Amino acid sequence: MADANFAVVFRGRLVEGAEPAAVRANLATLFKADAARIEKMFSGQTVIIKKGLDEAGAKKYLAVLAKAGALAEMARTTPKAAEPAASAATPATAAPVASAAAPARPLAATAPPQTIPSAYADGSPPAAIEASVDEPGVVLVDYQAPAAPDIATEHLSMAEPGVTLVEAGHVPEPEYDLSALTLDPPGTTLVEAAHVEPPEYEFEGLSVADNA
């Protein structure tokens, strides 16, 4: 029998680039819940979306939620052994196993501790919402094409093909005054080359190996 000790939890984080309003609308459609119940999911507290899943089923939930723009996490519920009657009940810990494959953008400044309250480990339903998830591939939000822009073109007209729209302006030829310039005869040295001293090299520290 498959290990059914996995839960899908949500802490209010969104997939990178997702719009908060659009994600809330997607989740409302996905869970068939009103806005008030969806808003509870973004309170900063850990919300149990579904528990008692095997690993494959939990990953399907993660994929569906990620498609809606919500970055959920998969956690393993491992309740601790029973303590003596005099001690207080210890909450079950939830070890994070995996999250949807996308960068996250936290809504709150600090994330709550990654634990699942013991109230959820004994089979009781989550307190935040009663959720259901559609099968993968279900269209969450119907696409609505934007209205075509209304652009006034009544004042525009189009010339016939081949009509010259703008006459090219006359550009006068440039005039240059070269009367102040002179030209030396060919072969005249215009600039005397500066004397450059030959370089001196020191080879006393070098030696040549004998050929083998």
N, C-alpha and C. Protein backbone atom coordinates (compact mmCIF):
# COMPACT_ATOMS: atom_id res chain seq x y z
N MET A 1 0.85 -1.20 0.00
CA MET A 1 0.00 0.00 0.00
C MET A 1 0.88 1.24 0.00
N ALA A 2 0.53 2.23 -0.82
CA ALA A 2 1.33 3.45 -0.94
C ALA A 2 1.30 4.24 0.35
N ASP A 3 2.40 4.93 0.64
CA ASP A 3 2.51 5.76 1.83
C ASP A 3 1.58 6.96 1.68
N ALA A 4 0.54 7.03 2.53
CA ALA A 4 -0.44 8.11 2.44
C ALA A 4 -0.25 9.12 3.56
N ASN A 5 0.99 9.39 3.93
CA ASN A 5 1.29 10.31 5.02
C ASN A 5 1.79 11.65 4.50
N PHE A 6 1.27 12.09 3.36
CA PHE A 6 1.67 13.37 2.81
C PHE A 6 0.50 14.34 2.86
N ALA A 7 0.82 15.62 3.06
CA ALA A 7 -0.17 16.68 3.06
C ALA A 7 0.30 17.80 2.14
N VAL A 8 -0.64 18.51 1.56
CA VAL A 8 -0.35 19.69 0.75
C VAL A 8 -0.73 20.91 1.56
N VAL A 9 0.24 21.78 1.82
CA VAL A 9 0.02 22.96 2.65
C VAL A 9 0.30 24.22 1.83
N PHE A 10 -0.34 25.31 2.23
CA PHE A 10 -0.19 26.59 1.54
C PHE A 10 0.04 27.68 2.57
N ARG A 11 1.05 28.54 2.30
CA ARG A 11 1.41 29.58 3.25
C ARG A 11 1.26 30.98 2.65
N GLY A 12 0.50 31.11 1.56
CA GLY A 12 0.26 32.42 0.98
C GLY A 12 1.28 32.85 -0.05
N ARG A 13 2.19 31.96 -0.45
CA ARG A 13 3.20 32.33 -1.42
C ARG A 13 2.68 32.14 -2.84
N LEU A 14 3.18 33.00 -3.75
CA LEU A 14 2.74 32.97 -5.14
C LEU A 14 3.89 32.57 -6.05
N VAL A 15 3.53 32.02 -7.21
CA VAL A 15 4.51 31.74 -8.25
C VAL A 15 5.07 33.06 -8.76
N GLU A 16 6.36 33.10 -9.06
CA GLU A 16 7.02 34.31 -9.51
C GLU A 16 6.27 34.91 -10.71
N GLY A 17 5.94 36.21 -10.60
CA GLY A 17 5.26 36.92 -11.67
C GLY A 17 3.75 36.84 -11.63
N ALA A 18 3.18 36.04 -10.74
CA ALA A 18 1.72 35.91 -10.68
C ALA A 18 1.10 37.13 -10.00
N GLU A 19 -0.05 37.58 -10.49
CA GLU A 19 -0.78 38.70 -9.91
C GLU A 19 -1.65 38.18 -8.77
N PRO A 20 -1.56 38.81 -7.57
CA PRO A 20 -2.33 38.32 -6.43
C PRO A 20 -3.83 38.23 -6.71
N ALA A 21 -4.39 39.27 -7.37
CA ALA A 21 -5.83 39.24 -7.63
C ALA A 21 -6.21 38.09 -8.55
N ALA A 22 -5.38 37.84 -9.57
CA ALA A 22 -5.67 36.75 -10.51
C ALA A 22 -5.56 35.40 -9.81
N VAL A 23 -4.57 35.26 -8.92
CA VAL A 23 -4.41 33.99 -8.20
C VAL A 23 -5.61 33.73 -7.30
N ARG A 24 -6.09 34.77 -6.61
CA ARG A 24 -7.26 34.60 -5.76
C ARG A 24 -8.48 34.18 -6.58
N ALA A 25 -8.64 34.79 -7.76
CA ALA A 25 -9.77 34.42 -8.62
C ALA A 25 -9.63 32.97 -9.09
N ASN A 26 -8.41 32.56 -9.44
CA ASN A 26 -8.19 31.19 -9.89
C ASN A 26 -8.49 30.19 -8.78
N LEU A 27 -8.07 30.52 -7.55
CA LEU A 27 -8.32 29.61 -6.43
C LEU A 27 -9.80 29.54 -6.10
N ALA A 28 -10.51 30.66 -6.23
CA ALA A 28 -11.95 30.65 -5.98
C ALA A 28 -12.66 29.71 -6.96
N THR A 29 -12.21 29.75 -8.21
CA THR A 29 -12.78 28.84 -9.21
C THR A 29 -12.37 27.40 -8.94
N LEU A 30 -11.10 27.21 -8.58
CA LEU A 30 -10.57 25.87 -8.36
C LEU A 30 -11.26 25.18 -7.18
N PHE A 31 -11.43 25.92 -6.06
CA PHE A 31 -12.01 25.34 -4.86
C PHE A 31 -13.51 25.55 -4.75
N LYS A 32 -14.09 26.29 -5.73
CA LYS A 32 -15.51 26.59 -5.71
C LYS A 32 -15.88 27.24 -4.36
N ALA A 33 -15.09 28.27 -3.99
CA ALA A 33 -15.26 28.94 -2.71
C ALA A 33 -15.45 30.43 -2.94
N ASP A 34 -16.09 31.11 -1.95
CA ASP A 34 -16.28 32.55 -2.08
C ASP A 34 -14.99 33.29 -1.70
N ALA A 35 -15.00 34.62 -1.93
CA ALA A 35 -13.79 35.42 -1.72
C ALA A 35 -13.36 35.42 -0.26
N ALA A 36 -14.30 35.41 0.67
CA ALA A 36 -13.95 35.45 2.10
C ALA A 36 -13.18 34.21 2.50
N ARG A 37 -13.58 33.05 2.01
CA ARG A 37 -12.89 31.81 2.37
C ARG A 37 -11.52 31.74 1.70
N ILE A 38 -11.43 32.25 0.47
CA ILE A 38 -10.13 32.26 -0.20
C ILE A 38 -9.18 33.20 0.52
N GLU A 39 -9.69 34.32 1.03
CA GLU A 39 -8.83 35.29 1.71
C GLU A 39 -8.18 34.69 2.96
N LYS A 40 -8.84 33.71 3.59
CA LYS A 40 -8.26 33.06 4.76
C LYS A 40 -6.97 32.33 4.40
N MET A 41 -6.82 31.94 3.16
CA MET A 41 -5.62 31.23 2.74
C MET A 41 -4.40 32.16 2.73
N PHE A 42 -4.63 33.49 2.73
CA PHE A 42 -3.54 34.45 2.65
C PHE A 42 -3.37 35.21 3.97
N SER A 43 -3.74 34.56 5.08
CA SER A 43 -3.63 35.20 6.39
C SER A 43 -2.22 35.12 6.96
N GLY A 44 -1.32 34.41 6.29
CA GLY A 44 0.02 34.21 6.81
C GLY A 44 0.18 32.93 7.61
N GLN A 45 -0.94 32.25 7.88
CA GLN A 45 -0.91 30.98 8.62
C GLN A 45 -0.83 29.80 7.64
N THR A 46 -0.39 28.66 8.16
CA THR A 46 -0.32 27.45 7.34
C THR A 46 -1.72 26.88 7.15
N VAL A 47 -2.09 26.67 5.89
CA VAL A 47 -3.41 26.13 5.55
C VAL A 47 -3.22 24.74 4.95
N ILE A 48 -3.92 23.77 5.50
CA ILE A 48 -3.86 22.40 4.97
C ILE A 48 -4.86 22.30 3.82
N ILE A 49 -4.35 22.14 2.61
CA ILE A 49 -5.21 21.98 1.44
C ILE A 49 -5.76 20.57 1.36
N LYS A 50 -4.91 19.58 1.55
CA LYS A 50 -5.32 18.18 1.46
C LYS A 50 -4.30 17.34 2.20
N LYS A 51 -4.77 16.33 2.94
CA LYS A 51 -3.85 15.44 3.63
C LYS A 51 -4.27 13.99 3.36
N GLY A 52 -3.47 13.07 3.85
CA GLY A 52 -3.76 11.66 3.60
C GLY A 52 -3.47 11.25 2.18
N LEU A 53 -2.50 11.91 1.52
CA LEU A 53 -2.17 11.62 0.14
C LEU A 53 -0.88 10.81 0.06
N ASP A 54 -0.73 10.07 -1.04
CA ASP A 54 0.57 9.49 -1.31
C ASP A 54 1.41 10.54 -2.05
N GLU A 55 2.67 10.22 -2.30
CA GLU A 55 3.57 11.22 -2.87
C GLU A 55 3.12 11.65 -4.26
N ALA A 56 2.68 10.71 -5.10
CA ALA A 56 2.25 11.05 -6.45
C ALA A 56 1.01 11.94 -6.42
N GLY A 57 0.06 11.62 -5.54
CA GLY A 57 -1.15 12.44 -5.45
C GLY A 57 -0.84 13.83 -4.95
N ALA A 58 0.08 13.96 -4.00
CA ALA A 58 0.44 15.28 -3.48
C ALA A 58 1.09 16.12 -4.57
N LYS A 59 1.94 15.50 -5.39
CA LYS A 59 2.60 16.25 -6.46
C LYS A 59 1.60 16.74 -7.50
N LYS A 60 0.52 15.98 -7.73
CA LYS A 60 -0.51 16.44 -8.66
C LYS A 60 -1.18 17.70 -8.12
N TYR A 61 -1.45 17.71 -6.81
CA TYR A 61 -2.02 18.91 -6.20
C TYR A 61 -1.09 20.10 -6.38
N LEU A 62 0.22 19.89 -6.15
CA LEU A 62 1.18 20.98 -6.30
C LEU A 62 1.15 21.55 -7.71
N ALA A 63 1.07 20.66 -8.71
CA ALA A 63 1.08 21.10 -10.10
C ALA A 63 -0.17 21.91 -10.43
N VAL A 64 -1.33 21.44 -9.95
CA VAL A 64 -2.58 22.16 -10.23
C VAL A 64 -2.57 23.52 -9.56
N LEU A 65 -2.11 23.60 -8.32
CA LEU A 65 -2.06 24.88 -7.61
C LEU A 65 -1.05 25.83 -8.25
N ALA A 66 0.08 25.28 -8.70
CA ALA A 66 1.08 26.13 -9.36
C ALA A 66 0.52 26.71 -10.65
N LYS A 67 -0.27 25.93 -11.38
CA LYS A 67 -0.88 26.43 -12.60
C LYS A 67 -1.84 27.58 -12.30
N ALA A 68 -2.45 27.55 -11.12
CA ALA A 68 -3.34 28.64 -10.71
C ALA A 68 -2.56 29.83 -10.15
N GLY A 69 -1.24 29.68 -9.96
CA GLY A 69 -0.41 30.77 -9.47
C GLY A 69 -0.06 30.68 -8.00
N ALA A 70 -0.51 29.62 -7.31
CA ALA A 70 -0.24 29.46 -5.87
C ALA A 70 0.89 28.46 -5.67
N LEU A 71 1.89 28.84 -4.88
CA LEU A 71 3.03 27.97 -4.62
C LEU A 71 2.80 27.22 -3.32
N ALA A 72 2.32 26.00 -3.42
CA ALA A 72 2.07 25.17 -2.25
C ALA A 72 3.29 24.31 -1.96
N GLU A 73 3.23 23.57 -0.85
CA GLU A 73 4.33 22.69 -0.46
C GLU A 73 3.77 21.32 -0.09
N MET A 74 4.62 20.31 -0.26
CA MET A 74 4.27 18.96 0.13
C MET A 74 5.02 18.63 1.42
N ALA A 75 4.29 18.17 2.43
CA ALA A 75 4.90 17.87 3.72
C ALA A 75 4.49 16.48 4.17
N ARG A 76 5.41 15.82 4.86
CA ARG A 76 5.12 14.50 5.41
C ARG A 76 4.67 14.66 6.85
N THR A 77 3.54 14.09 7.19
CA THR A 77 3.03 14.17 8.55
C THR A 77 3.52 12.96 9.33
N THR A 78 4.26 13.23 10.39
CA THR A 78 4.84 12.15 11.21
C THR A 78 4.54 12.45 12.67
N PRO A 79 3.37 12.05 13.17
CA PRO A 79 3.06 12.31 14.58
C PRO A 79 4.05 11.64 15.51
N LYS A 80 4.41 12.35 16.61
CA LYS A 80 5.32 11.78 17.60
C LYS A 80 4.61 10.71 18.42
N ALA A 81 5.42 9.89 19.07
CA ALA A 81 4.86 8.84 19.92
C ALA A 81 4.12 9.47 21.09
N ALA A 82 3.11 8.76 21.62
CA ALA A 82 2.28 9.30 22.70
C ALA A 82 3.11 9.51 23.95
N GLU A 83 2.93 10.67 24.61
CA GLU A 83 3.61 11.00 25.85
C GLU A 83 2.76 10.49 27.02
N PRO A 84 3.33 10.46 28.25
CA PRO A 84 2.53 10.11 29.43
C PRO A 84 1.34 11.04 29.59
N ALA A 85 0.30 10.55 30.25
CA ALA A 85 -0.95 11.31 30.35
C ALA A 85 -0.75 12.66 30.99
N ALA A 86 0.26 12.83 31.87
CA ALA A 86 0.44 14.10 32.57
C ALA A 86 1.02 15.16 31.69
N SER A 87 1.66 14.80 30.55
CA SER A 87 2.29 15.80 29.70
C SER A 87 1.30 16.32 28.67
N ALA A 88 1.60 17.53 28.15
CA ALA A 88 0.72 18.15 27.16
C ALA A 88 0.91 17.46 25.82
N ALA A 89 -0.12 17.54 24.98
CA ALA A 89 -0.05 16.93 23.66
C ALA A 89 0.98 17.67 22.83
N THR A 90 1.79 16.91 22.11
CA THR A 90 2.83 17.50 21.28
C THR A 90 2.37 17.51 19.84
N PRO A 91 2.45 18.68 19.15
CA PRO A 91 2.00 18.72 17.76
C PRO A 91 2.87 17.87 16.87
N ALA A 92 2.25 17.33 15.82
CA ALA A 92 2.99 16.52 14.85
C ALA A 92 3.82 17.44 13.98
N THR A 93 5.03 17.02 13.68
CA THR A 93 5.89 17.83 12.83
C THR A 93 5.65 17.50 11.38
N ALA A 94 5.86 18.47 10.52
CA ALA A 94 5.71 18.28 9.09
C ALA A 94 7.03 18.58 8.43
N ALA A 95 7.68 17.55 7.91
CA ALA A 95 8.97 17.75 7.27
C ALA A 95 8.75 18.12 5.82
N PRO A 96 9.20 19.32 5.38
CA PRO A 96 9.01 19.69 3.99
C PRO A 96 9.71 18.71 3.06
N VAL A 97 8.98 18.29 2.02
CA VAL A 97 9.54 17.33 1.08
C VAL A 97 9.79 17.96 -0.27
N ALA A 98 8.81 18.69 -0.79
CA ALA A 98 8.99 19.28 -2.11
C ALA A 98 8.02 20.42 -2.26
N SER A 99 8.29 21.29 -3.18
CA SER A 99 7.38 22.39 -3.53
C SER A 99 7.32 22.48 -5.03
N ALA A 100 6.35 23.25 -5.55
CA ALA A 100 6.19 23.38 -7.00
C ALA A 100 7.45 23.96 -7.61
N ALA A 101 7.81 23.51 -8.85
CA ALA A 101 9.06 23.91 -9.49
C ALA A 101 8.94 25.30 -10.08
N ALA A 102 8.95 26.34 -9.26
CA ALA A 102 8.91 27.71 -9.72
C ALA A 102 9.38 28.60 -8.60
N PRO A 103 10.03 29.76 -8.90
CA PRO A 103 10.45 30.68 -7.86
C PRO A 103 9.26 31.23 -7.13
N ALA A 104 9.47 31.63 -5.87
CA ALA A 104 8.37 32.10 -5.04
C ALA A 104 8.54 33.55 -4.68
N ARG A 105 7.42 34.24 -4.44
CA ARG A 105 7.42 35.61 -3.97
C ARG A 105 6.58 35.66 -2.72
N PRO A 106 7.20 35.74 -1.50
CA PRO A 106 6.41 35.71 -0.26
C PRO A 106 5.56 36.96 -0.11
N LEU A 107 4.35 36.78 0.44
CA LEU A 107 3.47 37.91 0.70
C LEU A 107 3.75 38.50 2.07
N ALA A 108 4.20 37.68 3.02
CA ALA A 108 4.47 38.17 4.36
C ALA A 108 5.96 38.33 4.55
N ALA A 109 6.33 39.19 5.54
CA ALA A 109 7.75 39.44 5.78
C ALA A 109 8.44 38.22 6.33
N THR A 110 7.75 37.44 7.17
CA THR A 110 8.33 36.23 7.75
C THR A 110 7.39 35.06 7.52
N ALA A 111 7.96 33.89 7.28
CA ALA A 111 7.16 32.69 7.03
C ALA A 111 6.87 32.01 8.35
N PRO A 112 5.66 31.46 8.55
CA PRO A 112 5.35 30.75 9.79
C PRO A 112 6.13 29.46 9.88
N PRO A 113 6.28 28.90 11.08
CA PRO A 113 7.03 27.64 11.23
C PRO A 113 6.41 26.53 10.39
N GLN A 114 7.24 25.67 9.85
CA GLN A 114 6.78 24.59 8.98
C GLN A 114 6.33 23.40 9.82
N THR A 115 5.18 23.54 10.48
CA THR A 115 4.62 22.47 11.28
C THR A 115 3.15 22.32 10.96
N ILE A 116 2.64 21.13 11.15
CA ILE A 116 1.22 20.86 11.00
C ILE A 116 0.65 20.63 12.39
N PRO A 117 -0.35 21.41 12.82
CA PRO A 117 -0.92 21.22 14.16
C PRO A 117 -1.40 19.80 14.36
N SER A 118 -1.31 19.35 15.61
CA SER A 118 -1.71 17.97 15.90
C SER A 118 -3.19 17.75 15.65
N ALA A 119 -3.97 18.84 15.63
CA ALA A 119 -5.41 18.69 15.38
C ALA A 119 -5.67 18.10 14.00
N TYR A 120 -4.71 18.28 13.07
CA TYR A 120 -4.88 17.77 11.72
C TYR A 120 -4.29 16.38 11.56
N ALA A 121 -3.51 15.93 12.52
CA ALA A 121 -2.85 14.64 12.38
C ALA A 121 -3.74 13.47 12.77
N ASP A 122 -4.87 13.77 13.43
CA ASP A 122 -5.73 12.67 13.88
C ASP A 122 -6.90 12.42 12.94
N GLY A 123 -6.85 13.04 11.75
CA GLY A 123 -7.89 12.80 10.76
C GLY A 123 -8.99 13.84 10.73
N SER A 124 -8.93 14.89 11.57
CA SER A 124 -9.96 15.92 11.55
C SER A 124 -9.78 16.83 10.33
N PRO A 125 -10.84 17.43 9.81
CA PRO A 125 -10.73 18.26 8.60
C PRO A 125 -10.02 19.57 8.90
N PRO A 126 -9.42 20.22 7.89
CA PRO A 126 -8.78 21.51 8.10
C PRO A 126 -9.78 22.57 8.52
N ALA A 127 -9.32 23.50 9.35
CA ALA A 127 -10.23 24.52 9.89
C ALA A 127 -10.42 25.67 8.93
N ALA A 128 -9.45 25.91 8.03
CA ALA A 128 -9.51 27.11 7.21
C ALA A 128 -10.56 27.00 6.11
N ILE A 129 -10.50 25.98 5.29
CA ILE A 129 -11.43 25.84 4.18
C ILE A 129 -11.74 24.36 3.98
N GLU A 130 -12.83 24.12 3.32
CA GLU A 130 -13.15 22.78 2.82
C GLU A 130 -12.96 22.82 1.32
N ALA A 131 -11.86 22.27 0.86
CA ALA A 131 -11.43 22.48 -0.52
C ALA A 131 -11.59 21.22 -1.34
N SER A 132 -11.75 21.43 -2.63
CA SER A 132 -11.69 20.35 -3.60
C SER A 132 -10.91 20.86 -4.80
N VAL A 133 -10.25 19.97 -5.51
CA VAL A 133 -9.41 20.35 -6.63
C VAL A 133 -9.89 19.63 -7.87
N ASP A 134 -10.05 20.38 -8.97
CA ASP A 134 -10.43 19.77 -10.23
C ASP A 134 -9.29 18.93 -10.77
N GLU A 135 -9.61 18.06 -11.71
CA GLU A 135 -8.62 17.20 -12.32
C GLU A 135 -7.63 18.03 -13.13
N PRO A 136 -6.36 17.57 -13.24
CA PRO A 136 -5.40 18.29 -14.09
C PRO A 136 -5.92 18.43 -15.51
N GLY A 137 -5.71 19.61 -16.08
CA GLY A 137 -6.17 19.89 -17.44
C GLY A 137 -7.47 20.64 -17.50
N VAL A 138 -8.19 20.76 -16.38
CA VAL A 138 -9.44 21.52 -16.38
C VAL A 138 -9.14 22.99 -16.52
N VAL A 139 -9.87 23.69 -17.37
CA VAL A 139 -9.69 25.14 -17.57
C VAL A 139 -10.26 25.86 -16.36
N LEU A 140 -9.40 26.58 -15.63
CA LEU A 140 -9.83 27.27 -14.42
C LEU A 140 -10.55 28.57 -14.74
N VAL A 141 -10.04 29.31 -15.68
CA VAL A 141 -10.62 30.61 -16.03
C VAL A 141 -10.78 30.67 -17.54
N ASP A 142 -11.99 30.95 -18.01
CA ASP A 142 -12.22 31.07 -19.44
C ASP A 142 -11.57 32.33 -19.98
N TYR A 143 -10.90 32.19 -21.11
CA TYR A 143 -10.23 33.34 -21.73
C TYR A 143 -11.27 34.28 -22.32
N GLN A 144 -11.13 35.56 -22.04
CA GLN A 144 -12.00 36.58 -22.60
C GLN A 144 -11.15 37.51 -23.45
N ALA A 145 -11.45 37.53 -24.74
CA ALA A 145 -10.68 38.37 -25.65
C ALA A 145 -10.96 39.84 -25.38
N PRO A 146 -9.94 40.69 -25.34
CA PRO A 146 -10.17 42.12 -25.12
C PRO A 146 -10.91 42.74 -26.29
N ALA A 147 -11.67 43.79 -25.98
CA ALA A 147 -12.41 44.49 -27.03
C ALA A 147 -11.44 45.19 -27.98
N ALA A 148 -11.82 45.21 -29.26
CA ALA A 148 -10.98 45.87 -30.26
C ALA A 148 -10.94 47.37 -29.99
N PRO A 149 -9.79 48.01 -30.15
CA PRO A 149 -9.70 49.45 -29.90
C PRO A 149 -10.52 50.25 -30.91
N ASP A 150 -11.11 51.32 -30.44
CA ASP A 150 -11.92 52.19 -31.29
C ASP A 150 -11.07 53.38 -31.71
N ILE A 151 -10.53 53.34 -32.92
CA ILE A 151 -9.62 54.38 -33.41
C ILE A 151 -10.32 55.13 -34.55
N ALA A 152 -10.43 56.44 -34.40
CA ALA A 152 -11.08 57.27 -35.42
C ALA A 152 -10.14 57.47 -36.60
N THR A 153 -10.60 57.12 -37.81
CA THR A 153 -9.79 57.28 -39.02
C THR A 153 -10.52 58.07 -40.10
N GLU A 154 -11.66 58.71 -39.73
CA GLU A 154 -12.44 59.40 -40.74
C GLU A 154 -11.69 60.57 -41.37
N HIS A 155 -10.78 61.18 -40.62
CA HIS A 155 -10.08 62.36 -41.12
C HIS A 155 -8.87 62.00 -41.97
N LEU A 156 -8.60 60.71 -42.17
CA LEU A 156 -7.44 60.29 -42.93
C LEU A 156 -7.83 59.98 -44.38
N SER A 157 -6.89 60.19 -45.29
CA SER A 157 -7.09 59.83 -46.70
C SER A 157 -5.80 59.23 -47.23
N MET A 158 -5.91 58.50 -48.33
CA MET A 158 -4.75 57.81 -48.89
C MET A 158 -4.58 58.20 -50.35
N ALA A 159 -3.35 58.61 -50.71
CA ALA A 159 -3.06 59.01 -52.09
C ALA A 159 -2.96 57.77 -52.97
N GLU A 160 -3.10 57.99 -54.28
CA GLU A 160 -2.98 56.89 -55.23
C GLU A 160 -1.54 56.38 -55.27
N PRO A 161 -1.34 55.12 -55.59
CA PRO A 161 0.01 54.58 -55.70
C PRO A 161 0.83 55.37 -56.73
N GLY A 162 2.07 55.69 -56.42
CA GLY A 162 2.95 56.41 -57.32
C GLY A 162 2.93 57.91 -57.15
N VAL A 163 2.00 58.43 -56.35
CA VAL A 163 1.93 59.87 -56.15
C VAL A 163 3.09 60.31 -55.26
N THR A 164 3.76 61.41 -55.64
CA THR A 164 4.84 61.97 -54.83
C THR A 164 4.22 62.77 -53.69
N LEU A 165 4.45 62.33 -52.50
CA LEU A 165 3.84 62.98 -51.35
C LEU A 165 4.57 64.27 -50.98
N VAL A 166 5.89 64.26 -51.08
CA VAL A 166 6.69 65.44 -50.71
C VAL A 166 7.74 65.65 -51.79
N GLU A 167 7.80 66.87 -52.35
CA GLU A 167 8.81 67.19 -53.33
C GLU A 167 10.16 67.37 -52.64
N ALA A 168 11.18 66.78 -53.26
CA ALA A 168 12.51 66.88 -52.69
C ALA A 168 13.00 68.32 -52.80
N GLY A 169 13.50 68.86 -51.71
CA GLY A 169 14.02 70.23 -51.72
C GLY A 169 15.37 70.31 -52.41
N HIS A 170 15.66 71.52 -53.00
CA HIS A 170 16.94 71.72 -53.69
C HIS A 170 18.04 71.96 -52.67
N VAL A 171 19.10 71.19 -52.80
CA VAL A 171 20.26 71.34 -51.92
C VAL A 171 21.39 71.93 -52.73
N PRO A 172 21.82 73.16 -52.43
CA PRO A 172 22.90 73.79 -53.23
C PRO A 172 24.22 73.07 -53.01
N GLU A 173 25.05 73.09 -54.05
CA GLU A 173 26.36 72.46 -53.93
C GLU A 173 27.21 73.27 -52.97
N PRO A 174 28.02 72.62 -52.17
CA PRO A 174 28.87 73.37 -51.23
C PRO A 174 29.98 74.12 -51.97
N GLU A 175 30.35 75.27 -51.42
CA GLU A 175 31.44 76.08 -51.97
C GLU A 175 32.57 76.12 -50.95
N TYR A 176 33.80 75.86 -51.41
CA TYR A 176 34.97 75.84 -50.55
C TYR A 176 35.95 76.92 -51.00
N ASP A 177 36.51 77.66 -50.06
CA ASP A 177 37.50 78.69 -50.36
C ASP A 177 38.88 78.11 -50.09
N LEU A 178 39.63 77.81 -51.19
CA LEU A 178 40.96 77.21 -51.08
C LEU A 178 42.05 78.20 -51.43
N SER A 179 41.72 79.49 -51.49
CA SER A 179 42.70 80.49 -51.91
C SER A 179 43.85 80.63 -50.92
N ALA A 180 43.65 80.27 -49.66
CA ALA A 180 44.70 80.44 -48.66
C ALA A 180 45.64 79.25 -48.59
N LEU A 181 45.41 78.22 -49.39
CA LEU A 181 46.24 77.03 -49.36
C LEU A 181 47.29 77.07 -50.45
N THR A 182 48.49 76.48 -50.17
CA THR A 182 49.56 76.33 -51.16
C THR A 182 49.99 74.88 -51.20
N LEU A 183 50.64 74.49 -52.28
CA LEU A 183 51.06 73.10 -52.46
C LEU A 183 52.53 73.08 -52.83
N ASP A 184 53.39 72.39 -52.02
CA ASP A 184 54.81 72.29 -52.32
C ASP A 184 55.03 71.34 -53.49
N PRO A 185 56.18 71.49 -54.16
CA PRO A 185 56.48 70.58 -55.27
C PRO A 185 56.63 69.15 -54.76
N PRO A 186 56.41 68.17 -55.60
CA PRO A 186 56.59 66.78 -55.18
C PRO A 186 58.03 66.55 -54.72
N GLY A 187 58.24 65.77 -53.65
CA GLY A 187 59.56 65.45 -53.12
C GLY A 187 60.00 66.37 -52.01
N THR A 188 59.25 67.45 -51.75
CA THR A 188 59.64 68.38 -50.69
C THR A 188 59.41 67.72 -49.33
N THR A 189 60.40 67.81 -48.43
CA THR A 189 60.26 67.28 -47.07
C THR A 189 59.45 68.28 -46.26
N LEU A 190 58.31 67.86 -45.84
CA LEU A 190 57.44 68.76 -45.09
C LEU A 190 57.84 68.86 -43.63
N VAL A 191 58.28 67.75 -43.02
CA VAL A 191 58.66 67.73 -41.61
C VAL A 191 59.94 66.93 -41.49
N GLU A 192 60.96 67.50 -40.83
CA GLU A 192 62.20 66.79 -40.60
C GLU A 192 61.97 65.73 -39.53
N ALA A 193 62.49 64.52 -39.81
CA ALA A 193 62.33 63.43 -38.85
C ALA A 193 63.22 63.67 -37.64
N ALA A 194 62.68 63.44 -36.46
CA ALA A 194 63.45 63.61 -35.24
C ALA A 194 64.45 62.47 -35.10
N HIS A 195 65.62 62.81 -34.53
CA HIS A 195 66.67 61.79 -34.34
C HIS A 195 66.28 60.87 -33.20
N VAL A 196 66.38 59.58 -33.43
CA VAL A 196 66.08 58.58 -32.41
C VAL A 196 67.34 57.78 -32.13
N GLU A 197 67.79 57.79 -30.86
CA GLU A 197 68.97 57.05 -30.48
C GLU A 197 68.72 55.55 -30.61
N PRO A 198 69.71 54.80 -31.12
CA PRO A 198 69.52 53.33 -31.22
C PRO A 198 69.45 52.72 -29.83
N PRO A 199 68.66 51.69 -29.65
CA PRO A 199 68.54 51.07 -28.33
C PRO A 199 69.80 50.31 -27.94
N GLU A 200 70.05 50.22 -26.66
CA GLU A 200 71.18 49.46 -26.14
C GLU A 200 70.65 48.27 -25.34
N TYR A 201 71.22 47.09 -25.60
CA TYR A 201 70.79 45.86 -24.94
C TYR A 201 71.94 45.29 -24.13
N GLU A 202 71.66 44.76 -22.96
CA GLU A 202 72.64 44.13 -22.10
C GLU A 202 72.46 42.61 -22.18
N PHE A 203 73.52 41.90 -22.69
CA PHE A 203 73.46 40.45 -22.87
C PHE A 203 74.40 39.70 -21.94
N GLU A 204 75.05 40.38 -20.98
CA GLU A 204 76.03 39.71 -20.15
C GLU A 204 75.41 38.61 -19.27
N GLY A 205 74.17 38.73 -18.93
CA GLY A 205 73.54 37.73 -18.08
C GLY A 205 72.97 36.55 -18.83
N LEU A 206 73.15 36.49 -20.16
CA LEU A 206 72.60 35.40 -20.98
C LEU A 206 73.66 34.39 -21.32
N SER A 207 73.25 33.16 -21.54
CA SER A 207 74.15 32.10 -21.97
C SER A 207 73.40 31.20 -22.92
N VAL A 208 74.13 30.50 -23.76
CA VAL A 208 73.54 29.60 -24.75
C VAL A 208 73.93 28.18 -24.42
N ALA A 209 72.98 27.27 -24.35
CA ALA A 209 73.26 25.87 -24.03
C ALA A 209 73.92 25.21 -25.21
N ASP A 210 74.79 24.23 -24.94
CA ASP A 210 75.43 23.46 -26.01
C ASP A 210 74.40 22.54 -26.66
N ASN A 211 74.56 22.32 -27.98
CA ASN A 211 73.71 21.37 -28.68
C ASN A 211 74.05 19.96 -28.26
N ALA A 212 73.07 19.15 -27.98
CA ALA A 212 73.32 17.77 -27.56
C ALA A 212 73.80 16.95 -28.74
